[in-house]
Amino acid sequence: MSNWKTDFEVKFSLEFKHFNGRKEIKNNTLIVEAESEDEAIEMIINQYDNSVFLKIDEVKKIWSY
């Protein structure tokens, strides 16, 4: 177990399809503190209750301490 933490920038989108066929995409970015890239992704998935609309676009390490 490590005491080191890393800040990750997670870019993601929520893709909604409306009944009239229109597609709506909302892009968002969150910075999370995690021990690994996988843990950062898991935090975002949990934040959005494992939504079927959620798509992780990019995870970037920005700082370690």
N, C-alpha and C. Protein backbone atom coordinates (compact mmCIF):
# COMPACT_ATOMS: atom_id res chain seq x y z
N MET A 1 0.84 -1.19 0.00
CA MET A 1 0.00 0.00 0.00
C MET A 1 0.88 1.24 0.00
N SER A 2 0.51 2.20 -0.78
CA SER A 2 1.29 3.42 -0.93
C SER A 2 0.54 4.60 -0.32
N ASN A 3 1.28 5.52 0.26
CA ASN A 3 0.68 6.74 0.78
C ASN A 3 0.66 7.84 -0.27
N TRP A 4 1.26 7.58 -1.43
CA TRP A 4 1.30 8.57 -2.49
C TRP A 4 -0.05 8.66 -3.18
N LYS A 5 -0.44 9.86 -3.48
CA LYS A 5 -1.68 10.10 -4.22
C LYS A 5 -1.36 10.84 -5.50
N THR A 6 -2.23 10.72 -6.45
CA THR A 6 -2.07 11.38 -7.74
C THR A 6 -3.37 12.05 -8.11
N ASP A 7 -3.28 13.23 -8.68
CA ASP A 7 -4.45 13.91 -9.22
C ASP A 7 -4.58 13.53 -10.70
N PHE A 8 -5.76 13.11 -11.07
CA PHE A 8 -6.06 12.75 -12.46
C PHE A 8 -7.14 13.66 -13.00
N GLU A 9 -6.96 14.11 -14.23
CA GLU A 9 -8.00 14.84 -14.93
C GLU A 9 -8.75 13.82 -15.78
N VAL A 10 -10.04 13.68 -15.51
CA VAL A 10 -10.86 12.70 -16.23
C VAL A 10 -11.86 13.47 -17.10
N LYS A 11 -11.72 13.30 -18.40
CA LYS A 11 -12.66 13.90 -19.34
C LYS A 11 -13.68 12.82 -19.73
N PHE A 12 -14.94 13.20 -19.67
CA PHE A 12 -15.99 12.23 -19.98
C PHE A 12 -17.18 12.95 -20.61
N SER A 13 -18.07 12.16 -21.17
CA SER A 13 -19.27 12.73 -21.77
C SER A 13 -20.48 11.89 -21.39
N LEU A 14 -21.61 12.54 -21.40
CA LEU A 14 -22.90 11.87 -21.20
C LEU A 14 -23.65 12.00 -22.53
N GLU A 15 -24.00 10.87 -23.11
CA GLU A 15 -24.65 10.86 -24.42
C GLU A 15 -26.10 10.41 -24.25
N PHE A 16 -27.02 11.33 -24.54
CA PHE A 16 -28.44 11.04 -24.42
C PHE A 16 -29.07 10.94 -25.80
N LYS A 17 -29.97 10.00 -25.97
CA LYS A 17 -30.73 9.89 -27.21
C LYS A 17 -32.20 10.14 -26.86
N HIS A 18 -32.78 11.15 -27.51
CA HIS A 18 -34.16 11.53 -27.25
C HIS A 18 -35.11 10.71 -28.11
N PHE A 19 -36.36 10.70 -27.72
CA PHE A 19 -37.37 9.92 -28.44
C PHE A 19 -37.54 10.38 -29.89
N ASN A 20 -37.29 11.65 -30.15
CA ASN A 20 -37.44 12.17 -31.51
C ASN A 20 -36.21 11.90 -32.38
N GLY A 21 -35.24 11.15 -31.85
CA GLY A 21 -34.05 10.80 -32.61
C GLY A 21 -32.88 11.75 -32.42
N ARG A 22 -33.13 12.86 -31.75
CA ARG A 22 -32.06 13.83 -31.51
C ARG A 22 -31.07 13.27 -30.49
N LYS A 23 -29.78 13.50 -30.73
CA LYS A 23 -28.72 13.05 -29.84
C LYS A 23 -28.11 14.26 -29.14
N GLU A 24 -27.96 14.17 -27.82
CA GLU A 24 -27.42 15.27 -27.03
C GLU A 24 -26.18 14.77 -26.28
N ILE A 25 -25.09 15.51 -26.39
CA ILE A 25 -23.85 15.13 -25.71
C ILE A 25 -23.43 16.26 -24.78
N LYS A 26 -23.22 15.93 -23.53
CA LYS A 26 -22.73 16.89 -22.55
C LYS A 26 -21.33 16.46 -22.14
N ASN A 27 -20.34 17.30 -22.41
CA ASN A 27 -18.95 17.03 -22.05
C ASN A 27 -18.64 17.63 -20.69
N ASN A 28 -17.80 16.93 -19.93
CA ASN A 28 -17.44 17.39 -18.60
C ASN A 28 -16.03 16.93 -18.27
N THR A 29 -15.41 17.60 -17.31
CA THR A 29 -14.09 17.24 -16.82
C THR A 29 -14.09 17.35 -15.30
N LEU A 30 -13.54 16.34 -14.64
CA LEU A 30 -13.37 16.37 -13.19
C LEU A 30 -11.93 16.02 -12.85
N ILE A 31 -11.42 16.62 -11.80
CA ILE A 31 -10.11 16.27 -11.29
C ILE A 31 -10.33 15.51 -9.99
N VAL A 32 -9.78 14.29 -9.94
CA VAL A 32 -9.96 13.43 -8.77
C VAL A 32 -8.61 13.00 -8.23
N GLU A 33 -8.58 12.74 -6.93
CA GLU A 33 -7.39 12.23 -6.26
C GLU A 33 -7.55 10.73 -6.11
N ALA A 34 -6.61 9.97 -6.67
CA ALA A 34 -6.70 8.51 -6.64
C ALA A 34 -5.30 7.91 -6.64
N GLU A 35 -5.24 6.61 -6.34
CA GLU A 35 -3.95 5.91 -6.35
C GLU A 35 -3.57 5.41 -7.73
N SER A 36 -4.56 5.25 -8.62
CA SER A 36 -4.27 4.75 -9.97
C SER A 36 -5.30 5.31 -10.95
N GLU A 37 -4.99 5.15 -12.22
CA GLU A 37 -5.89 5.58 -13.28
C GLU A 37 -7.22 4.81 -13.21
N ASP A 38 -7.14 3.51 -12.94
CA ASP A 38 -8.35 2.69 -12.83
C ASP A 38 -9.24 3.15 -11.68
N GLU A 39 -8.63 3.52 -10.56
CA GLU A 39 -9.41 4.00 -9.42
C GLU A 39 -10.09 5.33 -9.75
N ALA A 40 -9.40 6.19 -10.50
CA ALA A 40 -9.98 7.47 -10.91
C ALA A 40 -11.22 7.24 -11.79
N ILE A 41 -11.12 6.30 -12.73
CA ILE A 41 -12.25 5.96 -13.59
C ILE A 41 -13.40 5.41 -12.76
N GLU A 42 -13.08 4.53 -11.82
CA GLU A 42 -14.11 3.93 -10.96
C GLU A 42 -14.84 5.00 -10.15
N MET A 43 -14.13 6.01 -9.71
CA MET A 43 -14.75 7.10 -8.95
C MET A 43 -15.78 7.85 -9.80
N ILE A 44 -15.45 8.09 -11.07
CA ILE A 44 -16.38 8.78 -11.96
C ILE A 44 -17.59 7.90 -12.24
N ILE A 45 -17.36 6.62 -12.48
CA ILE A 45 -18.47 5.69 -12.73
C ILE A 45 -19.41 5.64 -11.53
N ASN A 46 -18.85 5.60 -10.33
CA ASN A 46 -19.68 5.59 -9.12
C ASN A 46 -20.42 6.91 -8.94
N GLN A 47 -19.78 8.01 -9.29
CA GLN A 47 -20.42 9.33 -9.17
C GLN A 47 -21.70 9.39 -10.01
N TYR A 48 -21.68 8.75 -11.17
CA TYR A 48 -22.83 8.76 -12.07
C TYR A 48 -23.62 7.45 -12.01
N ASP A 49 -23.50 6.71 -10.93
CA ASP A 49 -24.28 5.50 -10.67
C ASP A 49 -24.24 4.50 -11.83
N ASN A 50 -23.06 4.34 -12.43
CA ASN A 50 -22.85 3.38 -13.52
C ASN A 50 -23.86 3.60 -14.67
N SER A 51 -24.07 4.86 -15.00
CA SER A 51 -25.03 5.24 -16.03
C SER A 51 -24.64 4.68 -17.40
N VAL A 52 -25.64 4.23 -18.14
CA VAL A 52 -25.39 3.74 -19.50
C VAL A 52 -25.05 4.89 -20.46
N PHE A 53 -25.32 6.12 -20.04
CA PHE A 53 -25.04 7.30 -20.87
C PHE A 53 -23.59 7.77 -20.73
N LEU A 54 -22.87 7.27 -19.72
CA LEU A 54 -21.52 7.74 -19.41
C LEU A 54 -20.48 7.10 -20.32
N LYS A 55 -19.59 7.95 -20.87
CA LYS A 55 -18.49 7.47 -21.69
C LYS A 55 -17.22 8.20 -21.24
N ILE A 56 -16.21 7.45 -20.79
CA ILE A 56 -14.94 8.03 -20.38
C ILE A 56 -14.13 8.29 -21.65
N ASP A 57 -13.72 9.54 -21.84
CA ASP A 57 -13.00 9.92 -23.05
C ASP A 57 -11.48 9.90 -22.85
N GLU A 58 -11.01 10.42 -21.71
CA GLU A 58 -9.57 10.54 -21.51
C GLU A 58 -9.26 10.65 -20.02
N VAL A 59 -8.16 10.04 -19.59
CA VAL A 59 -7.67 10.16 -18.23
C VAL A 59 -6.21 10.60 -18.33
N LYS A 60 -5.90 11.71 -17.64
CA LYS A 60 -4.55 12.25 -17.72
C LYS A 60 -4.02 12.52 -16.32
N LYS A 61 -2.83 12.02 -16.04
CA LYS A 61 -2.16 12.27 -14.76
C LYS A 61 -1.64 13.69 -14.76
N ILE A 62 -2.00 14.46 -13.70
CA ILE A 62 -1.55 15.86 -13.69
C ILE A 62 -0.64 16.20 -12.53
N TRP A 63 -0.67 15.40 -11.44
CA TRP A 63 0.17 15.75 -10.30
C TRP A 63 0.28 14.58 -9.34
N SER A 64 1.46 14.32 -8.81
CA SER A 64 1.67 13.29 -7.79
C SER A 64 2.28 13.92 -6.56
N TYR A 65 1.85 13.44 -5.39
CA TYR A 65 2.42 13.93 -4.14
C TYR A 65 2.32 12.88 -3.07
